[in-house]
Amino acid sequence: MQTITKNCEDYQGTPNVTSVSSGLEALNKEITIVKIGDDNFDQTFEIVSTNPYTVKLTEVFSNLKKSVEGIFEFGLADINPKNISIATAGKSALVELNTNHLEKIIKTYEDGNIKSYSYKLAIQATDIENARNIAALLKQTIEQLK
């Protein structure tokens, strides 16, 4: 019973974003390295420009056999906050994003080579709670832009 009470006291709840910059800082802290078995996803989230807000997600996937770097560059205002969802597959939890009107405007690079533009993106999460926090932060940060 004491453990449950302690966990409830430690629970931070859903993050609350007061500005775009505070939301981006919180996202930067939430999006981290994810390990699933032998697979590692080393993710970084950074701001490219602030007018308009353009961000870059770099994901390096590695396991015992290979390593692949993916870079996704997109404008925050281009993401549809109503289409941000959480998906699970096996042991992994993902936050899935889509652009407004499913326009292919997310710049995609794989191992430094330009790939075709995309309308969707998935961010790896360490667990369901981390995925909920990332999704909530993204929704609130995008709403601050409007």
Protein backbone atom coordinates (compact mmCIF):
# COMPACT_ATOMS: atom_id res chain seq x y z
CA MET A 1 0.00 0.00 0.00
CA GLN A 2 2.88 2.38 0.81
CA THR A 3 4.42 1.70 -2.60
CA ILE A 4 1.19 2.62 -4.36
CA THR A 5 0.90 5.83 -2.33
CA LYS A 6 4.52 6.71 -3.10
CA ASN A 7 3.97 6.11 -6.83
CA CYS A 8 0.88 8.33 -6.81
CA GLU A 9 2.80 11.11 -5.07
CA ASP A 10 5.65 10.84 -7.60
CA TYR A 11 3.31 10.85 -10.62
CA GLN A 12 3.80 14.02 -12.64
CA GLY A 13 0.62 13.72 -14.69
CA THR A 14 0.18 14.99 -18.21
CA PRO A 15 2.75 17.63 -19.11
CA ASN A 16 1.49 21.21 -19.42
CA VAL A 17 2.95 23.42 -22.16
CA THR A 18 2.80 27.20 -21.74
CA SER A 19 4.80 28.19 -24.84
CA VAL A 20 6.23 26.64 -28.00
CA SER A 21 9.80 26.88 -26.69
CA SER A 22 8.92 25.20 -23.37
CA GLY A 23 7.12 22.43 -25.28
CA LEU A 24 10.13 21.85 -27.52
CA GLU A 25 12.46 21.72 -24.51
CA ALA A 26 10.21 19.15 -22.83
CA LEU A 27 10.05 17.10 -26.06
CA ASN A 28 13.84 17.15 -26.27
CA LYS A 29 13.99 15.58 -22.78
CA GLU A 30 11.28 12.96 -23.50
CA ILE A 31 12.68 11.74 -26.84
CA THR A 32 15.67 9.59 -25.88
CA ILE A 33 17.51 6.34 -26.55
CA VAL A 34 15.17 3.34 -26.76
CA LYS A 35 16.44 -0.24 -26.38
CA ILE A 36 14.29 -3.18 -27.44
CA GLY A 37 16.21 -6.44 -27.13
CA ASP A 38 19.31 -6.09 -29.32
CA ASP A 39 17.83 -3.14 -31.23
CA ASN A 40 18.80 0.41 -30.24
CA PHE A 41 17.10 3.61 -31.38
CA ASP A 42 19.27 6.64 -30.57
CA GLN A 43 16.97 9.63 -31.16
CA THR A 44 17.66 13.35 -30.99
CA PHE A 45 15.15 16.16 -31.44
CA GLU A 46 16.38 19.62 -32.33
CA ILE A 47 15.10 22.98 -33.55
CA VAL A 48 16.24 23.98 -37.06
CA SER A 49 14.53 27.39 -37.18
CA THR A 50 12.01 29.32 -35.11
CA ASN A 51 10.24 31.30 -37.81
CA PRO A 52 8.41 29.14 -38.79
CA TYR A 53 9.15 26.41 -36.24
CA THR A 54 11.04 23.72 -38.13
CA VAL A 55 12.40 20.72 -36.24
CA LYS A 56 14.62 17.75 -37.04
CA LEU A 57 14.34 14.26 -35.62
CA THR A 58 17.45 12.14 -36.05
CA GLU A 59 17.08 8.43 -35.39
CA VAL A 60 20.00 6.01 -35.52
CA PHE A 61 18.79 2.42 -35.53
CA SER A 62 21.43 -0.16 -34.72
CA ASN A 63 21.64 -3.81 -33.83
CA LEU A 64 24.28 -6.53 -34.13
CA LYS A 65 24.00 -6.67 -37.94
CA LYS A 66 23.51 -3.10 -39.18
CA SER A 67 23.18 0.58 -38.41
CA VAL A 68 20.87 3.01 -40.26
CA GLU A 69 20.56 6.76 -39.71
CA GLY A 70 17.25 8.41 -40.54
CA ILE A 71 16.69 12.18 -40.47
CA PHE A 72 13.23 13.71 -40.63
CA GLU A 73 12.83 17.48 -41.02
CA PHE A 74 9.41 19.10 -40.80
CA GLY A 75 7.49 22.20 -39.78
CA LEU A 76 5.55 21.84 -36.54
CA ALA A 77 2.59 23.73 -38.03
CA ASP A 78 2.40 21.07 -40.77
CA ILE A 79 1.61 18.30 -38.27
CA ASN A 80 -2.07 17.57 -37.62
CA PRO A 81 -2.48 17.47 -33.81
CA LYS A 82 -5.72 15.48 -34.15
CA ASN A 83 -3.88 12.66 -35.94
CA ILE A 84 -1.17 12.14 -33.33
CA SER A 85 -1.61 8.61 -32.02
CA ILE A 86 0.11 5.93 -29.98
CA ALA A 87 0.74 2.50 -31.46
CA THR A 88 2.22 -0.62 -29.95
CA ALA A 89 3.80 -3.60 -31.66
CA GLY A 90 5.30 -6.36 -29.57
CA LYS A 91 7.58 -4.69 -27.03
CA SER A 92 7.74 -1.33 -28.80
CA ALA A 93 5.63 1.78 -28.30
CA LEU A 94 5.47 4.45 -31.00
CA VAL A 95 4.03 7.92 -31.38
CA GLU A 96 2.74 8.32 -34.92
CA LEU A 97 2.37 11.73 -36.59
CA ASN A 98 0.70 12.70 -39.86
CA THR A 99 0.82 15.97 -41.76
CA ASN A 100 -2.22 18.11 -42.44
CA HIS A 101 -4.23 16.67 -45.35
CA LEU A 102 -1.61 13.87 -45.61
CA GLU A 103 0.64 16.11 -47.71
CA LYS A 104 4.08 14.62 -48.41
CA ILE A 105 6.15 17.45 -46.89
CA ILE A 106 8.37 15.72 -44.32
CA LYS A 107 11.95 15.79 -45.65
CA THR A 108 13.47 12.34 -45.23
CA TYR A 109 17.12 11.26 -45.36
CA GLU A 110 18.50 7.75 -44.89
CA ASP A 111 22.24 7.40 -44.23
CA GLY A 112 22.78 10.89 -45.67
CA ASN A 113 20.91 10.19 -48.91
CA ILE A 114 17.76 12.15 -49.71
CA LYS A 115 14.68 9.92 -49.85
CA SER A 116 11.18 10.79 -51.05
CA TYR A 117 9.08 13.17 -49.00
CA SER A 118 6.68 11.58 -46.54
CA TYR A 119 3.41 12.42 -44.81
CA LYS A 120 3.95 10.30 -41.69
CA LEU A 121 6.56 9.80 -39.02
CA ALA A 122 6.98 7.51 -36.01
CA ILE A 123 8.86 8.37 -32.82
CA GLN A 124 10.05 5.47 -30.66
CA ALA A 125 9.10 5.63 -26.98
CA THR A 126 10.63 3.81 -24.03
CA ASP A 127 7.20 2.70 -22.75
CA ILE A 128 3.50 3.61 -22.94
CA GLU A 129 3.82 6.40 -20.37
CA ASN A 130 6.68 7.97 -22.34
CA ALA A 131 4.59 7.68 -25.53
CA ARG A 132 1.64 9.41 -23.80
CA ASN A 133 3.91 12.24 -22.66
CA ILE A 134 5.43 12.71 -26.13
CA ALA A 135 1.98 12.70 -27.77
CA ALA A 136 0.57 15.18 -25.22
CA LEU A 137 3.59 17.49 -25.56
CA LEU A 138 3.38 17.45 -29.36
CA LYS A 139 -0.36 18.20 -29.34
CA GLN A 140 0.00 21.04 -26.84
CA THR A 141 3.05 22.54 -28.56
CA ILE A 142 1.35 22.52 -31.99
CA GLU A 143 -1.78 24.08 -30.45
CA GLN A 144 0.43 26.93 -29.13
CA LEU A 145 1.31 27.79 -32.73
CA LYS A 146 -2.31 28.54 -33.62
